[in-house]
Amino acid sequence: NLVERKRCIGNVTPEGYPGYGGHWPEFRPPQETDSRCSCPGL
């Protein structure tokens, strides 16, 4: 990481992954029966 070039702004999320180009799948709040945890990232 110290010697290789950083990822360009706008291309941090790899192509082929959700969120590529800043376009995230639709957000939907959890339903009452869904499972969630204490980690906001997950």
PDB file of all heavy atoms in Angstrom:
ATOM      1  N   ASN A   1       0.822  -1.222   0.000  1.00  0.00           N
ATOM      2  CA  ASN A   1       0.000   0.000   0.000  1.00  0.00           C
ATOM      3  C   ASN A   1       0.855   1.271   0.000  1.00  0.00           C
ATOM      4  O   ASN A   1       0.427   2.314  -0.495  1.00  0.00           O
ATOM      5  CB  ASN A   1      -0.917   0.021   1.225  1.00  0.00           C
ATOM      6  CG  ASN A   1      -2.209  -0.751   1.002  1.00  0.00           C
ATOM      7  OD1 ASN A   1      -2.601  -1.029  -0.128  1.00  0.00           O
ATOM      8  ND2 ASN A   1      -2.875  -1.102   2.089  1.00  0.00           N
ATOM      9  N   LEU A   2       2.056   1.159   0.565  1.00  0.00           N
ATOM     10  CA  LEU A   2       2.948   2.311   0.635  1.00  0.00           C
ATOM     11  C   LEU A   2       3.563   2.651  -0.717  1.00  0.00           C
ATOM     12  O   LEU A   2       3.899   3.811  -0.985  1.00  0.00           O
ATOM     13  CB  LEU A   2       4.058   2.060   1.657  1.00  0.00           C
ATOM     14  CG  LEU A   2       3.636   1.929   3.122  1.00  0.00           C
ATOM     15  CD1 LEU A   2       4.839   1.554   3.974  1.00  0.00           C
ATOM     16  CD2 LEU A   2       3.011   3.228   3.621  1.00  0.00           C
ATOM     17  N   VAL A   3       3.713   1.651  -1.566  1.00  0.00           N
ATOM     18  CA  VAL A   3       4.443   1.859  -2.818  1.00  0.00           C
ATOM     19  C   VAL A   3       3.542   1.860  -4.055  1.00  0.00           C
ATOM     20  O   VAL A   3       3.933   2.366  -5.103  1.00  0.00           O
ATOM     21  CB  VAL A   3       5.551   0.798  -2.992  1.00  0.00           C
ATOM     22  CG1 VAL A   3       6.564   0.910  -1.847  1.00  0.00           C
ATOM     23  CG2 VAL A   3       4.978  -0.609  -3.040  1.00  0.00           C
ATOM     24  N   GLU A   4       2.344   1.292  -3.925  1.00  0.00           N
ATOM     25  CA  GLU A   4       1.457   1.228  -5.080  1.00  0.00           C
ATOM     26  C   GLU A   4       0.541   2.454  -5.134  1.00  0.00           C
ATOM     27  O   GLU A   4       0.261   3.085  -4.117  1.00  0.00           O
ATOM     28  CB  GLU A   4       0.621  -0.052  -5.043  1.00  0.00           C
ATOM     29  CG  GLU A   4       1.457  -1.308  -5.243  1.00  0.00           C
ATOM     30  CD  GLU A   4       0.609  -2.568  -5.299  1.00  0.00           C
ATOM     31  OE1 GLU A   4      -0.632  -2.464  -5.164  1.00  0.00           O
ATOM     32  OE2 GLU A   4       1.180  -3.657  -5.468  1.00  0.00           O
ATOM     33  N   ARG A   5       0.101   2.775  -6.333  1.00  0.00           N
ATOM     34  CA  ARG A   5      -0.761   3.933  -6.537  1.00  0.00           C
ATOM     35  C   ARG A   5      -2.122   3.718  -5.875  1.00  0.00           C
ATOM     36  O   ARG A   5      -2.688   2.620  -5.925  1.00  0.00           O
ATOM     37  CB  ARG A   5      -0.946   4.163  -8.033  1.00  0.00           C
ATOM     38  CG  ARG A   5      -1.761   5.398  -8.390  1.00  0.00           C
ATOM     39  CD  ARG A   5      -1.778   5.620  -9.883  1.00  0.00           C
ATOM     40  NE  ARG A   5      -0.421   5.856 -10.385  1.00  0.00           N
ATOM     41  CZ  ARG A   5      -0.140   6.010 -11.678  1.00  0.00           C
ATOM     42  NH1 ARG A   5      -1.110   5.945 -12.581  1.00  0.00           N
ATOM     43  NH2 ARG A   5       1.113   6.221 -12.065  1.00  0.00           N
ATOM     44  N   LYS A   6      -2.651   4.784  -5.274  1.00  0.00           N
ATOM     45  CA  LYS A   6      -3.974   4.698  -4.641  1.00  0.00           C
ATOM     46  C   LYS A   6      -5.065   4.591  -5.699  1.00  0.00           C
ATOM     47  O   LYS A   6      -4.880   4.970  -6.860  1.00  0.00           O
ATOM     48  CB  LYS A   6      -4.226   5.932  -3.763  1.00  0.00           C
ATOM     49  CG  LYS A   6      -3.361   6.007  -2.521  1.00  0.00           C
ATOM     50  CD  LYS A   6      -3.732   7.228  -1.678  1.00  0.00           C
ATOM     51  CE  LYS A   6      -2.909   7.276  -0.402  1.00  0.00           C
ATOM     52  NZ  LYS A   6      -3.267   8.461   0.442  1.00  0.00           N
ATOM     53  N   ARG A   7      -6.192   4.063  -5.285  1.00  0.00           N
ATOM     54  CA  ARG A   7      -7.338   4.006  -6.177  1.00  0.00           C
ATOM     55  C   ARG A   7      -7.845   5.420  -6.450  1.00  0.00           C
ATOM     56  O   ARG A   7      -7.838   6.277  -5.576  1.00  0.00           O
ATOM     57  CB  ARG A   7      -8.461   3.172  -5.564  1.00  0.00           C
ATOM     58  CG  ARG A   7      -8.052   1.725  -5.315  1.00  0.00           C
ATOM     59  CD  ARG A   7      -9.216   0.897  -4.795  1.00  0.00           C
ATOM     60  NE  ARG A   7      -8.772  -0.438  -4.411  1.00  0.00           N
ATOM     61  CZ  ARG A   7      -9.582  -1.418  -4.024  1.00  0.00           C
ATOM     62  NH1 ARG A   7     -10.889  -1.197  -3.952  1.00  0.00           N
ATOM     63  NH2 ARG A   7      -9.092  -2.600  -3.693  1.00  0.00           N
ATOM     64  N   CYS A   8      -8.284   5.645  -7.673  1.00  0.00           N
ATOM     65  CA  CYS A   8      -8.767   6.971  -8.063  1.00  0.00           C
ATOM     66  C   CYS A   8     -10.103   7.263  -7.392  1.00  0.00           C
ATOM     67  O   CYS A   8     -10.933   6.367  -7.218  1.00  0.00           O
ATOM     68  CB  CYS A   8      -8.933   7.048  -9.573  1.00  0.00           C
ATOM     69  SG  CYS A   8      -7.384   6.884 -10.486  1.00  0.00           S
ATOM     70  N   ILE A   9     -10.303   8.509  -7.020  1.00  0.00           N
ATOM     71  CA  ILE A   9     -11.593   8.928  -6.475  1.00  0.00           C
ATOM     72  C   ILE A   9     -12.664   8.664  -7.522  1.00  0.00           C
ATOM     73  O   ILE A   9     -12.513   9.016  -8.693  1.00  0.00           O
ATOM     74  CB  ILE A   9     -11.554  10.419  -6.090  1.00  0.00           C
ATOM     75  CG1 ILE A   9     -10.563  10.650  -4.947  1.00  0.00           C
ATOM     76  CG2 ILE A   9     -12.947  10.912  -5.690  1.00  0.00           C
ATOM     77  CD1 ILE A   9     -10.351  12.104  -4.594  1.00  0.00           C
ATOM     78  N   GLY A  10     -13.733   8.036  -7.103  1.00  0.00           N
ATOM     79  CA  GLY A  10     -14.795   7.647  -8.017  1.00  0.00           C
ATOM     80  C   GLY A  10     -14.684   6.216  -8.482  1.00  0.00           C
ATOM     81  O   GLY A  10     -15.610   5.679  -9.101  1.00  0.00           O
ATOM     82  N   ASN A  11     -13.543   5.577  -8.177  1.00  0.00           N
ATOM     83  CA  ASN A  11     -13.328   4.183  -8.579  1.00  0.00           C
ATOM     84  C   ASN A  11     -12.772   3.347  -7.433  1.00  0.00           C
ATOM     85  O   ASN A  11     -12.005   2.412  -7.656  1.00  0.00           O
ATOM     86  CB  ASN A  11     -12.373   4.110  -9.779  1.00  0.00           C
ATOM     87  CG  ASN A  11     -13.021   4.591 -11.058  1.00  0.00           C
ATOM     88  OD1 ASN A  11     -13.834   3.894 -11.656  1.00  0.00           O
ATOM     89  ND2 ASN A  11     -12.672   5.798 -11.464  1.00  0.00           N
ATOM     90  N   VAL A  12     -13.167   3.692  -6.210  1.00  0.00           N
ATOM     91  CA  VAL A  12     -12.687   2.932  -5.052  1.00  0.00           C
ATOM     92  C   VAL A  12     -13.394   1.586  -4.961  1.00  0.00           C
ATOM     93  O   VAL A  12     -12.763   0.554  -4.727  1.00  0.00           O
ATOM     94  CB  VAL A  12     -12.895   3.738  -3.751  1.00  0.00           C
ATOM     95  CG1 VAL A  12     -12.546   2.891  -2.536  1.00  0.00           C
ATOM     96  CG2 VAL A  12     -12.026   4.999  -3.774  1.00  0.00           C
ATOM     97  N   THR A  13     -14.709   1.577  -5.157  1.00  0.00           N
ATOM     98  CA  THR A  13     -15.453   0.317  -5.150  1.00  0.00           C
ATOM     99  C   THR A  13     -15.142  -0.440  -6.434  1.00  0.00           C
ATOM    100  O   THR A  13     -15.283   0.111  -7.534  1.00  0.00           O
ATOM    101  CB  THR A  13     -16.972   0.574  -5.053  1.00  0.00           C
ATOM    102  OG1 THR A  13     -17.242   1.378  -3.912  1.00  0.00           O
ATOM    103  CG2 THR A  13     -17.736  -0.742  -4.937  1.00  0.00           C
ATOM    104  N   PRO A  14     -14.718  -1.702  -6.351  1.00  0.00           N
ATOM    105  CA  PRO A  14     -14.312  -2.440  -7.554  1.00  0.00           C
ATOM    106  C   PRO A  14     -15.465  -2.651  -8.532  1.00  0.00           C
ATOM    107  O   PRO A  14     -16.622  -2.803  -8.130  1.00  0.00           O
ATOM    108  CB  PRO A  14     -13.837  -3.791  -6.992  1.00  0.00           C
ATOM    109  CG  PRO A  14     -13.570  -3.552  -5.548  1.00  0.00           C
ATOM    110  CD  PRO A  14     -14.523  -2.484  -5.129  1.00  0.00           C
ATOM    111  N   GLU A  15     -15.157  -2.652  -9.804  1.00  0.00           N
ATOM    112  CA  GLU A  15     -16.161  -2.938 -10.826  1.00  0.00           C
ATOM    113  C   GLU A  15     -16.706  -4.344 -10.610  1.00  0.00           C
ATOM    114  O   GLU A  15     -15.963  -5.283 -10.314  1.00  0.00           O
ATOM    115  CB  GLU A  15     -15.543  -2.819 -12.225  1.00  0.00           C
ATOM    116  CG  GLU A  15     -16.555  -2.926 -13.341  1.00  0.00           C
ATOM    117  CD  GLU A  15     -15.959  -2.609 -14.704  1.00  0.00           C
ATOM    118  OE1 GLU A  15     -14.740  -2.326 -14.780  1.00  0.00           O
ATOM    119  OE2 GLU A  15     -16.728  -2.636 -15.690  1.00  0.00           O
ATOM    120  N   GLY A  16     -18.001  -4.479 -10.734  1.00  0.00           N
ATOM    121  CA  GLY A  16     -18.633  -5.774 -10.507  1.00  0.00           C
ATOM    122  C   GLY A  16     -19.194  -5.939  -9.106  1.00  0.00           C
ATOM    123  O   GLY A  16     -19.941  -6.883  -8.839  1.00  0.00           O
ATOM    124  N   TYR A  17     -18.836  -5.003  -8.201  1.00  0.00           N
ATOM    125  CA  TYR A  17     -19.352  -5.037  -6.832  1.00  0.00           C
ATOM    126  C   TYR A  17     -20.518  -4.049  -6.705  1.00  0.00           C
ATOM    127  O   TYR A  17     -20.542  -3.022  -7.394  1.00  0.00           O
ATOM    128  CB  TYR A  17     -18.272  -4.641  -5.831  1.00  0.00           C
ATOM    129  CG  TYR A  17     -17.310  -5.742  -5.474  1.00  0.00           C
ATOM    130  CD1 TYR A  17     -16.302  -6.127  -6.350  1.00  0.00           C
ATOM    131  CD2 TYR A  17     -17.399  -6.412  -4.252  1.00  0.00           C
ATOM    132  CE1 TYR A  17     -15.413  -7.135  -6.031  1.00  0.00           C
ATOM    133  CE2 TYR A  17     -16.512  -7.414  -3.909  1.00  0.00           C
ATOM    134  CZ  TYR A  17     -15.518  -7.772  -4.806  1.00  0.00           C
ATOM    135  OH  TYR A  17     -14.640  -8.780  -4.490  1.00  0.00           O
ATOM    136  N   PRO A  18     -21.481  -4.327  -5.814  1.00  0.00           N
ATOM    137  CA  PRO A  18     -22.529  -3.339  -5.545  1.00  0.00           C
ATOM    138  C   PRO A  18     -21.891  -2.021  -5.110  1.00  0.00           C
ATOM    139  O   PRO A  18     -20.939  -2.011  -4.343  1.00  0.00           O
ATOM    140  CB  PRO A  18     -23.323  -3.971  -4.390  1.00  0.00           C
ATOM    141  CG  PRO A  18     -23.056  -5.438  -4.485  1.00  0.00           C
ATOM    142  CD  PRO A  18     -21.652  -5.558  -5.003  1.00  0.00           C
ATOM    143  N   GLY A  19     -22.401  -0.914  -5.632  1.00  0.00           N
ATOM    144  CA  GLY A  19     -21.868   0.390  -5.270  1.00  0.00           C
ATOM    145  C   GLY A  19     -20.821   0.916  -6.226  1.00  0.00           C
ATOM    146  O   GLY A  19     -20.312   2.034  -6.038  1.00  0.00           O
ATOM    147  N   TYR A  20     -20.483   0.156  -7.258  1.00  0.00           N
ATOM    148  CA  TYR A  20     -19.487   0.632  -8.222  1.00  0.00           C
ATOM    149  C   TYR A  20     -19.967   1.935  -8.848  1.00  0.00           C
ATOM    150  O   TYR A  20     -21.106   2.060  -9.275  1.00  0.00           O
ATOM    151  CB  TYR A  20     -19.264  -0.422  -9.316  1.00  0.00           C
ATOM    152  CG  TYR A  20     -18.364   0.044 -10.432  1.00  0.00           C
ATOM    153  CD1 TYR A  20     -17.004   0.282 -10.198  1.00  0.00           C
ATOM    154  CD2 TYR A  20     -18.861   0.274 -11.718  1.00  0.00           C
ATOM    155  CE1 TYR A  20     -16.170   0.721 -11.216  1.00  0.00           C
ATOM    156  CE2 TYR A  20     -18.042   0.704 -12.739  1.00  0.00           C
ATOM    157  CZ  TYR A  20     -16.692   0.936 -12.482  1.00  0.00           C
ATOM    158  OH  TYR A  20     -15.854   1.371 -13.490  1.00  0.00           O
ATOM    159  N   GLY A  21     -19.103   2.920  -8.854  1.00  0.00           N
ATOM    160  CA  GLY A  21     -19.450   4.229  -9.392  1.00  0.00           C
ATOM    161  C   GLY A  21     -20.344   5.045  -8.479  1.00  0.00           C
ATOM    162  O   GLY A  21     -20.886   6.069  -8.890  1.00  0.00           O
ATOM    163  N   GLY A  22     -20.482   4.593  -7.230  1.00  0.00           N
ATOM    164  CA  GLY A  22     -21.304   5.328  -6.268  1.00  0.00           C
ATOM    165  C   GLY A  22     -22.784   5.023  -6.356  1.00  0.00           C
ATOM    166  O   GLY A  22     -23.599   5.682  -5.703  1.00  0.00           O
ATOM    167  N   HIS A  23     -23.165   4.004  -7.135  1.00  0.00           N
ATOM    168  CA  HIS A  23     -24.574   3.651  -7.308  1.00  0.00           C
ATOM    169  C   HIS A  23     -24.905   2.438  -6.442  1.00  0.00           C
ATOM    170  O   HIS A  23     -24.620   1.296  -6.807  1.00  0.00           O
ATOM    171  CB  HIS A  23     -24.876   3.368  -8.783  1.00  0.00           C
ATOM    172  CG  HIS A  23     -24.518   4.497  -9.704  1.00  0.00           C
ATOM    173  ND1 HIS A  23     -25.146   5.716  -9.645  1.00  0.00           N
ATOM    174  CD2 HIS A  23     -23.564   4.589 -10.676  1.00  0.00           C
ATOM    175  CE1 HIS A  23     -24.632   6.523 -10.568  1.00  0.00           C
ATOM    176  NE2 HIS A  23     -23.661   5.872 -11.193  1.00  0.00           N
ATOM    177  N   TRP A  24     -25.501   2.709  -5.299  1.00  0.00           N
ATOM    178  CA  TRP A  24     -25.801   1.636  -4.341  1.00  0.00           C
ATOM    179  C   TRP A  24     -27.184   1.057  -4.584  1.00  0.00           C
ATOM    180  O   TRP A  24     -28.091   1.769  -5.019  1.00  0.00           O
ATOM    181  CB  TRP A  24     -25.698   2.181  -2.913  1.00  0.00           C
ATOM    182  CG  TRP A  24     -24.312   2.619  -2.591  1.00  0.00           C
ATOM    183  CD1 TRP A  24     -23.829   3.896  -2.583  1.00  0.00           C
ATOM    184  CD2 TRP A  24     -23.199   1.771  -2.301  1.00  0.00           C
ATOM    185  NE1 TRP A  24     -22.491   3.897  -2.292  1.00  0.00           N
ATOM    186  CE2 TRP A  24     -22.075   2.601  -2.119  1.00  0.00           C
ATOM    187  CE3 TRP A  24     -23.042   0.399  -2.171  1.00  0.00           C
ATOM    188  CZ2 TRP A  24     -20.815   2.103  -1.810  1.00  0.00           C
ATOM    189  CZ3 TRP A  24     -21.793  -0.117  -1.870  1.00  0.00           C
ATOM    190  CH2 TRP A  24     -20.698   0.731  -1.700  1.00  0.00           C
ATOM    191  N   PRO A  25     -27.357  -0.236  -4.305  1.00  0.00           N
ATOM    192  CA  PRO A  25     -28.696  -0.825  -4.422  1.00  0.00           C
ATOM    193  C   PRO A  25     -29.688  -0.070  -3.542  1.00  0.00           C
ATOM    194  O   PRO A  25     -29.305   0.599  -2.575  1.00  0.00           O
ATOM    195  CB  PRO A  25     -28.490  -2.266  -3.919  1.00  0.00           C
ATOM    196  CG  PRO A  25     -27.034  -2.539  -4.114  1.00  0.00           C
ATOM    197  CD  PRO A  25     -26.345  -1.224  -3.903  1.00  0.00           C
ATOM    198  N   GLU A  26     -30.951  -0.197  -3.862  1.00  0.00           N
ATOM    199  CA  GLU A  26     -32.009   0.534  -3.153  1.00  0.00           C
ATOM    200  C   GLU A  26     -31.950   0.295  -1.642  1.00  0.00           C
ATOM    201  O   GLU A  26     -31.780  -0.835  -1.182  1.00  0.00           O
ATOM    202  CB  GLU A  26     -33.377   0.093  -3.664  1.00  0.00           C
ATOM    203  CG  GLU A  26     -34.551   0.779  -2.981  1.00  0.00           C
ATOM    204  CD  GLU A  26     -35.887   0.183  -3.377  1.00  0.00           C
ATOM    205  OE1 GLU A  26     -35.894  -0.800  -4.143  1.00  0.00           O
ATOM    206  OE2 GLU A  26     -36.929   0.695  -2.915  1.00  0.00           O
ATOM    207  N   PHE A  27     -32.087   1.371  -0.897  1.00  0.00           N
ATOM    208  CA  PHE A  27     -32.158   1.280   0.559  1.00  0.00           C
ATOM    209  C   PHE A  27     -33.587   0.973   0.983  1.00  0.00           C
ATOM    210  O   PHE A  27     -34.541   1.615   0.528  1.00  0.00           O
ATOM    211  CB  PHE A  27     -31.707   2.599   1.192  1.00  0.00           C
ATOM    212  CG  PHE A  27     -31.990   2.688   2.671  1.00  0.00           C
ATOM    213  CD1 PHE A  27     -31.143   2.089   3.588  1.00  0.00           C
ATOM    214  CD2 PHE A  27     -33.114   3.374   3.132  1.00  0.00           C
ATOM    215  CE1 PHE A  27     -31.400   2.164   4.950  1.00  0.00           C
ATOM    216  CE2 PHE A  27     -33.381   3.460   4.496  1.00  0.00           C
ATOM    217  CZ  PHE A  27     -32.521   2.847   5.404  1.00  0.00           C
ATOM    218  N   ARG A  28     -33.711  -0.027   1.878  1.00  0.00           N
ATOM    219  CA  ARG A  28     -35.011  -0.338   2.480  1.00  0.00           C
ATOM    220  C   ARG A  28     -34.812  -0.544   3.967  1.00  0.00           C
ATOM    221  O   ARG A  28     -33.973  -1.367   4.374  1.00  0.00           O
ATOM    222  CB  ARG A  28     -35.610  -1.607   1.875  1.00  0.00           C
ATOM    223  CG  ARG A  28     -35.909  -1.558   0.392  1.00  0.00           C
ATOM    224  CD  ARG A  28     -36.478  -2.873  -0.080  1.00  0.00           C
ATOM    225  NE  ARG A  28     -36.402  -3.032  -1.521  1.00  0.00           N
ATOM    226  CZ  ARG A  28     -36.566  -4.184  -2.153  1.00  0.00           C
ATOM    227  NH1 ARG A  28     -36.821  -5.285  -1.452  1.00  0.00           N
ATOM    228  NH2 ARG A  28     -36.477  -4.246  -3.471  1.00  0.00           N
ATOM    229  N   PRO A  29     -35.553   0.183   4.790  1.00  0.00           N
ATOM    230  CA  PRO A  29     -35.434  -0.015   6.242  1.00  0.00           C
ATOM    231  C   PRO A  29     -35.804  -1.452   6.603  1.00  0.00           C
ATOM    232  O   PRO A  29     -36.614  -2.084   5.910  1.00  0.00           O
ATOM    233  CB  PRO A  29     -36.441   0.983   6.827  1.00  0.00           C
ATOM    234  CG  PRO A  29     -36.684   1.974   5.739  1.00  0.00           C
ATOM    235  CD  PRO A  29     -36.531   1.232   4.451  1.00  0.00           C
ATOM    236  N   PRO A  30     -35.229  -1.981   7.662  1.00  0.00           N
ATOM    237  CA  PRO A  30     -35.533  -3.363   8.051  1.00  0.00           C
ATOM    238  C   PRO A  30     -36.976  -3.538   8.497  1.00  0.00           C
ATOM    239  O   PRO A  30     -37.587  -2.619   9.049  1.00  0.00           O
ATOM    240  CB  PRO A  30     -34.561  -3.625   9.207  1.00  0.00           C
ATOM    241  CG  PRO A  30     -34.244  -2.269   9.751  1.00  0.00           C
ATOM    242  CD  PRO A  30     -34.269  -1.347   8.578  1.00  0.00           C
ATOM    243  N   GLN A  31     -37.519  -4.727   8.243  1.00  0.00           N
ATOM    244  CA  GLN A  31     -38.840  -5.094   8.722  1.00  0.00           C
ATOM    245  C   GLN A  31     -38.723  -5.652  10.140  1.00  0.00           C
ATOM    246  O   GLN A  31     -37.643  -6.004  10.606  1.00  0.00           O
ATOM    247  CB  GLN A  31     -39.470  -6.121   7.787  1.00  0.00           C
ATOM    248  CG  GLN A  31     -39.588  -5.653   6.334  1.00  0.00           C
ATOM    249  CD  GLN A  31     -40.449  -4.411   6.190  1.00  0.00           C
ATOM    250  OE1 GLN A  31     -41.599  -4.396   6.614  1.00  0.00           O
ATOM    251  NE2 GLN A  31     -39.887  -3.352   5.605  1.00  0.00           N
ATOM    252  N   GLU A  32     -39.851  -5.751  10.795  1.00  0.00           N
ATOM    253  CA  GLU A  32     -39.856  -6.168  12.199  1.00  0.00           C
ATOM    254  C   GLU A  32     -39.253  -7.553  12.393  1.00  0.00           C
ATOM    255  O   GLU A  32     -38.626  -7.826  13.414  1.00  0.00           O
ATOM    256  CB  GLU A  32     -41.295  -6.145  12.730  1.00  0.00           C
ATOM    257  CG  GLU A  32     -41.407  -6.407  14.229  1.00  0.00           C
ATOM    258  CD  GLU A  32     -42.813  -6.264  14.738  1.00  0.00           C
ATOM    259  OE1 GLU A  32     -43.671  -5.728  14.006  1.00  0.00           O
ATOM    260  OE2 GLU A  32     -43.076  -6.693  15.880  1.00  0.00           O
ATOM    261  N   THR A  33     -39.422  -8.422  11.410  1.00  0.00           N
ATOM    262  CA  THR A  33     -38.926  -9.798  11.541  1.00  0.00           C
ATOM    263  C   THR A  33     -37.483  -9.960  11.064  1.00  0.00           C
ATOM    264  O   THR A  33     -36.922 -11.052  11.176  1.00  0.00           O
ATOM    265  CB  THR A  33     -39.822 -10.766  10.744  1.00  0.00           C
ATOM    266  OG1 THR A  33     -39.876 -10.330   9.373  1.00  0.00           O
ATOM    267  CG2 THR A  33     -41.226 -10.801  11.329  1.00  0.00           C
ATOM    268  N   ASP A  34     -36.880  -8.892  10.524  1.00  0.00           N
ATOM    269  CA  ASP A  34     -35.504  -8.977  10.042  1.00  0.00           C
ATOM    270  C   ASP A  34     -34.519  -9.019  11.206  1.00  0.00           C
ATOM    271  O   ASP A  34     -34.823  -8.564  12.309  1.00  0.00           O
ATOM    272  CB  ASP A  34     -35.184  -7.783   9.140  1.00  0.00           C
ATOM    273  CG  ASP A  34     -35.934  -7.827   7.821  1.00  0.00           C
ATOM    274  OD1 ASP A  34     -36.453  -8.905   7.483  1.00  0.00           O
ATOM    275  OD2 ASP A  34     -36.011  -6.789   7.140  1.00  0.00           O
ATOM    276  N   SER A  35     -33.350  -9.547  10.941  1.00  0.00           N
ATOM    277  CA  SER A  35     -32.300  -9.642  11.953  1.00  0.00           C
ATOM    278  C   SER A  35     -31.262  -8.560  11.709  1.00  0.00           C
ATOM    279  O   SER A  35     -30.755  -8.406  10.598  1.00  0.00           O
ATOM    280  CB  SER A  35     -31.633 -11.027  11.904  1.00  0.00           C
ATOM    281  OG  SER A  35     -30.655 -11.157  12.916  1.00  0.00           O
ATOM    282  N   ARG A  36     -30.973  -7.790  12.756  1.00  0.00           N
ATOM    283  CA  ARG A  36     -29.939  -6.774  12.689  1.00  0.00           C
ATOM    284  C   ARG A  36     -29.072  -6.875  13.943  1.00  0.00           C
ATOM    285  O   ARG A  36     -29.417  -7.550  14.914  1.00  0.00           O
ATOM    286  CB  ARG A  36     -30.554  -5.370  12.584  1.00  0.00           C
ATOM    287  CG  ARG A  36     -31.311  -5.117  11.277  1.00  0.00           C
ATOM    288  CD  ARG A  36     -30.393  -5.117  10.073  1.00  0.00           C
ATOM    289  NE  ARG A  36     -31.084  -4.738   8.854  1.00  0.00           N
ATOM    290  CZ  ARG A  36     -31.641  -5.606   8.007  1.00  0.00           C
ATOM    291  NH1 ARG A  36     -31.605  -6.913   8.279  1.00  0.00           N
ATOM    292  NH2 ARG A  36     -32.239  -5.188   6.898  1.00  0.00           N
ATOM    293  N   CYS A  37     -27.926  -6.185  13.934  1.00  0.00           N
ATOM    294  CA  CYS A  37     -26.974  -6.289  15.038  1.00  0.00           C
ATOM    295  C   CYS A  37     -26.503  -4.899  15.462  1.00  0.00           C
ATOM    296  O   CYS A  37     -27.013  -3.885  14.993  1.00  0.00           O
ATOM    297  CB  CYS A  37     -25.787  -7.165  14.639  1.00  0.00           C
ATOM    298  SG  CYS A  37     -24.797  -6.481  13.272  1.00  0.00           S
ATOM    299  N   SER A  38     -25.510  -4.860  16.312  1.00  0.00           N
ATOM    300  CA  SER A  38     -25.008  -3.582  16.836  1.00  0.00           C
ATOM    301  C   SER A  38     -24.051  -2.879  15.890  1.00  0.00           C
ATOM    302  O   SER A  38     -23.632  -1.756  16.165  1.00  0.00           O
ATOM    303  CB  SER A  38     -24.315  -3.816  18.183  1.00  0.00           C
ATOM    304  OG  SER A  38     -23.277  -4.775  18.042  1.00  0.00           O
ATOM    305  N   CYS A  39     -23.705  -3.519  14.767  1.00  0.00           N
ATOM    306  CA  CYS A  39     -22.742  -2.930  13.823  1.00  0.00           C
ATOM    307  C   CYS A  39     -23.470  -2.223  12.692  1.00  0.00           C
ATOM    308  O   CYS A  39     -24.104  -2.882  11.850  1.00  0.00           O
ATOM    309  CB  CYS A  39     -21.831  -4.011  13.256  1.00  0.00           C
ATOM    310  SG  CYS A  39     -20.695  -3.410  11.980  1.00  0.00           S
ATOM    311  N   PRO A  40     -23.402  -0.896  12.615  1.00  0.00           N
ATOM    312  CA  PRO A  40     -24.094  -0.180  11.531  1.00  0.00           C
ATOM    313  C   PRO A  40     -23.569  -0.544  10.146  1.00  0.00           C
ATOM    314  O   PRO A  40     -24.326  -0.505   9.173  1.00  0.00           O
ATOM    315  CB  PRO A  40     -23.848   1.294  11.864  1.00  0.00           C
ATOM    316  CG  PRO A  40     -22.655   1.313  12.763  1.00  0.00           C
ATOM    317  CD  PRO A  40     -22.713   0.036  13.534  1.00  0.00           C
ATOM    318  N   GLY A  41     -22.299  -0.901  10.061  1.00  0.00           N
ATOM    319  CA  GLY A  41     -21.735  -1.263   8.767  1.00  0.00           C
ATOM    320  C   GLY A  41     -22.355  -2.519   8.186  1.00  0.00           C
ATOM    321  O   GLY A  41     -22.641  -2.585   6.983  1.00  0.00           O
ATOM    322  N   LEU A  42     -22.593  -3.517   9.029  1.00  0.00           N
ATOM    323  CA  LEU A  42     -23.227  -4.746   8.562  1.00  0.00           C
ATOM    324  C   LEU A  42     -24.714  -4.524   8.308  1.00  0.00           C
ATOM    325  O   LEU A  42     -25.276  -5.042   7.342  1.00  0.00           O
ATOM    326  CB  LEU A  42     -23.023  -5.865   9.586  1.00  0.00           C
ATOM    327  CG  LEU A  42     -21.578  -6.287   9.855  1.00  0.00           C
ATOM    328  CD1 LEU A  42     -21.538  -7.449  10.834  1.00  0.00           C
ATOM    329  CD2 LEU A  42     -20.864  -6.657   8.556  1.00  0.00           C
TER     330      LEU A  42
END
